[in-house]
Amino acid sequence: MSEKEVILTPSGLKKLEEELEYLKTVKRKEVAERIKIAIGYGDLSENSEYEDAKNEQAFIEGRIITLEKMLRNVKVISDNDVQTDTVSIGSTVRVKDLEFNEEIEYTIVGSAESDPLSNKISNESPVGEALLGQKKGAIVEVIVPAGTIRYEILDIQKNNE
């Protein structure tokens, strides 16, 4: 079974690489030290510090494995891959919500680096999926749990990161 391709922008790749390096060089050592100190407290069967440190160690090791797997299957979308005539991964799209007459700007990214609070939406999200391949001026309908949202695409730009 082939592993899923992970689509990232250059800044998303850098962020994952930095997180992996931090986990391997800093967090692993911190947790190992906590485990060592907790073992010094004696009886491990009722040692909550030891249990907490072991749980954190398992989480960190799991995250390291996940990041390494993602980085093995990464496809970086460069600025040259992004066009401004149609929406693609890496595009920054300004849309107008036709119901509320509000303008919103989204950057379409791969699911690994989506951050809705920063208006970075996944190409796999309902809005991201609906916008992909569309041109400036298009009216896009997005089906969401609350109903249907209608957006007009006002502008398409390359991601400005």
Protein backbone atom coordinates (compact mmCIF):
# COMPACT_ATOMS: atom_id res chain seq x y z
CA MET A 1 0.00 0.00 0.00
CA SER A 2 1.47 3.35 -0.97
CA GLU A 3 1.53 6.11 1.59
CA LYS A 4 -0.46 9.30 1.03
CA GLU A 5 1.42 12.16 -0.57
CA VAL A 6 1.79 15.14 1.76
CA ILE A 7 1.48 18.47 -0.05
CA LEU A 8 3.29 21.40 1.58
CA THR A 9 4.33 24.92 0.78
CA PRO A 10 8.02 25.74 1.40
CA SER A 11 7.10 27.44 4.70
CA GLY A 12 5.03 24.40 5.73
CA LEU A 13 7.98 22.10 5.00
CA LYS A 14 10.30 24.30 7.04
CA LYS A 15 7.85 24.31 9.96
CA LEU A 16 7.61 20.48 10.00
CA GLU A 17 11.38 20.08 9.73
CA GLU A 18 11.88 22.51 12.63
CA GLU A 19 9.32 20.67 14.77
CA LEU A 20 11.02 17.33 14.07
CA GLU A 21 14.44 18.72 14.94
CA TYR A 22 13.08 20.25 18.17
CA LEU A 23 11.44 16.99 19.23
CA LYS A 24 14.58 14.96 18.51
CA THR A 25 17.13 17.32 20.06
CA VAL A 26 15.29 19.09 22.90
CA LYS A 27 12.10 17.31 23.96
CA ARG A 28 13.59 13.78 23.92
CA LYS A 29 16.35 14.91 26.31
CA GLU A 30 13.92 16.77 28.58
CA VAL A 31 11.64 13.74 28.91
CA ALA A 32 14.55 11.34 29.42
CA GLU A 33 15.74 13.55 32.27
CA ARG A 34 12.23 13.62 33.80
CA ILE A 35 12.09 9.81 33.63
CA LYS A 36 15.52 9.54 35.26
CA ILE A 37 14.45 11.86 38.11
CA ALA A 38 11.13 10.03 38.57
CA ILE A 39 12.90 6.65 38.77
CA GLY A 40 14.91 8.13 41.64
CA TYR A 41 11.70 8.53 43.63
CA GLY A 42 11.48 4.78 44.09
CA ASP A 43 8.44 2.53 43.63
CA LEU A 44 7.35 2.93 40.01
CA SER A 45 3.94 1.32 40.52
CA GLU A 46 2.56 4.43 42.28
CA ASN A 47 4.83 7.06 40.77
CA SER A 48 2.71 9.61 38.88
CA GLU A 49 5.75 11.63 37.75
CA TYR A 50 7.19 8.51 36.11
CA GLU A 51 3.84 7.64 34.51
CA ASP A 52 3.40 11.19 33.16
CA ALA A 53 6.93 11.28 31.76
CA LYS A 54 6.51 7.86 30.09
CA ASN A 55 3.21 9.00 28.53
CA GLU A 56 4.84 12.17 27.21
CA GLN A 57 7.75 10.12 25.87
CA ALA A 58 5.32 7.86 23.98
CA PHE A 59 3.53 10.91 22.54
CA ILE A 60 6.81 12.51 21.40
CA GLU A 61 8.06 9.29 19.81
CA GLY A 62 4.73 8.87 18.01
CA ARG A 63 4.88 12.44 16.70
CA ILE A 64 8.47 11.92 15.52
CA ILE A 65 7.40 8.81 13.59
CA THR A 66 4.45 10.70 12.08
CA LEU A 67 6.63 13.64 11.01
CA GLU A 68 9.30 11.39 9.51
CA LYS A 69 6.64 9.51 7.55
CA MET A 70 5.14 12.79 6.30
CA LEU A 71 8.54 14.13 5.26
CA ARG A 72 9.29 10.93 3.32
CA ASN A 73 6.15 11.48 1.23
CA VAL A 74 6.31 15.24 0.83
CA LYS A 75 5.61 17.16 -2.36
CA VAL A 76 6.58 20.80 -2.06
CA ILE A 77 4.47 23.26 -4.03
CA SER A 78 6.77 26.04 -5.12
CA ASP A 79 5.70 29.54 -6.08
CA ASN A 80 6.32 28.58 -9.73
CA ASP A 81 3.67 25.82 -9.49
CA VAL A 82 0.98 28.30 -8.45
CA GLN A 83 -0.97 30.06 -11.20
CA THR A 84 -3.08 33.17 -10.75
CA ASP A 85 -5.70 32.32 -13.38
CA THR A 86 -7.21 29.37 -11.45
CA VAL A 87 -7.25 28.40 -7.79
CA SER A 88 -4.69 25.75 -6.87
CA ILE A 89 -2.84 24.58 -3.79
CA GLY A 90 -0.67 27.50 -2.72
CA SER A 91 -3.12 30.12 -4.01
CA THR A 92 -4.34 32.94 -1.82
CA VAL A 93 -7.96 33.55 -2.78
CA ARG A 94 -10.09 36.55 -1.89
CA VAL A 95 -13.77 35.65 -1.92
CA LYS A 96 -17.00 37.44 -1.15
CA ASP A 97 -19.65 35.68 0.91
CA LEU A 98 -22.73 36.56 -1.13
CA GLU A 99 -25.17 36.10 1.75
CA PHE A 100 -23.40 38.35 4.26
CA ASN A 101 -21.57 40.57 1.75
CA GLU A 102 -18.26 39.93 3.56
CA GLU A 103 -14.84 39.49 1.98
CA ILE A 104 -12.58 36.71 3.24
CA GLU A 105 -9.09 35.71 2.16
CA TYR A 106 -8.04 32.05 2.24
CA THR A 107 -4.76 30.38 1.41
CA ILE A 108 -5.25 26.87 0.04
CA VAL A 109 -2.70 24.47 1.53
CA GLY A 110 -2.25 20.73 1.95
CA SER A 111 -4.04 19.18 4.93
CA ALA A 112 -0.79 18.84 6.92
CA GLU A 113 -0.37 22.59 7.24
CA SER A 114 -3.96 23.79 7.39
CA ASP A 115 -4.63 26.34 10.10
CA PRO A 116 -8.19 27.70 9.91
CA LEU A 117 -7.46 30.36 12.54
CA SER A 118 -4.87 31.81 10.13
CA ASN A 119 -7.22 31.34 7.14
CA LYS A 120 -5.03 28.52 5.78
CA ILE A 121 -7.56 25.96 4.64
CA SER A 122 -6.95 22.44 3.41
CA ASN A 123 -7.44 21.49 -0.20
CA GLU A 124 -9.52 18.62 1.24
CA SER A 125 -11.89 20.88 3.24
CA PRO A 126 -15.31 21.64 1.77
CA VAL A 127 -14.38 25.26 0.97
CA GLY A 128 -10.90 24.38 -0.31
CA GLU A 129 -12.24 21.58 -2.48
CA ALA A 130 -14.95 23.82 -3.94
CA LEU A 131 -12.49 26.61 -4.77
CA LEU A 132 -9.87 24.42 -6.45
CA GLY A 133 -9.77 24.81 -10.23
CA GLN A 134 -12.12 27.81 -10.24
CA LYS A 135 -11.39 31.12 -11.97
CA LYS A 136 -11.70 34.74 -10.86
CA GLY A 137 -15.36 35.84 -11.08
CA ALA A 138 -16.75 32.34 -10.56
CA ILE A 139 -19.62 31.78 -8.12
CA VAL A 140 -18.89 28.74 -5.97
CA GLU A 141 -21.41 26.90 -3.80
CA VAL A 142 -20.09 25.10 -0.75
CA ILE A 143 -22.26 22.63 1.11
CA VAL A 144 -21.59 22.85 4.86
CA PRO A 145 -23.50 21.42 7.84
CA ALA A 146 -25.41 24.70 8.25
CA GLY A 147 -26.52 24.76 4.61
CA THR A 148 -24.97 26.18 1.46
CA ILE A 149 -22.51 29.07 1.31
CA ARG A 150 -22.10 30.99 -1.95
CA TYR A 151 -18.80 32.69 -2.65
CA GLU A 152 -17.73 34.87 -5.54
CA ILE A 153 -14.01 34.63 -6.31
CA LEU A 154 -12.70 38.20 -6.37
CA ASP A 155 -8.96 37.62 -6.72
CA ILE A 156 -6.37 34.83 -6.96
CA GLN A 157 -2.75 35.45 -5.96
CA LYS A 158 0.35 33.46 -5.24
CA ASN A 159 0.86 32.75 -1.55
CA ASN A 160 2.77 35.73 -0.20
CA GLU A 161 4.84 33.84 2.42
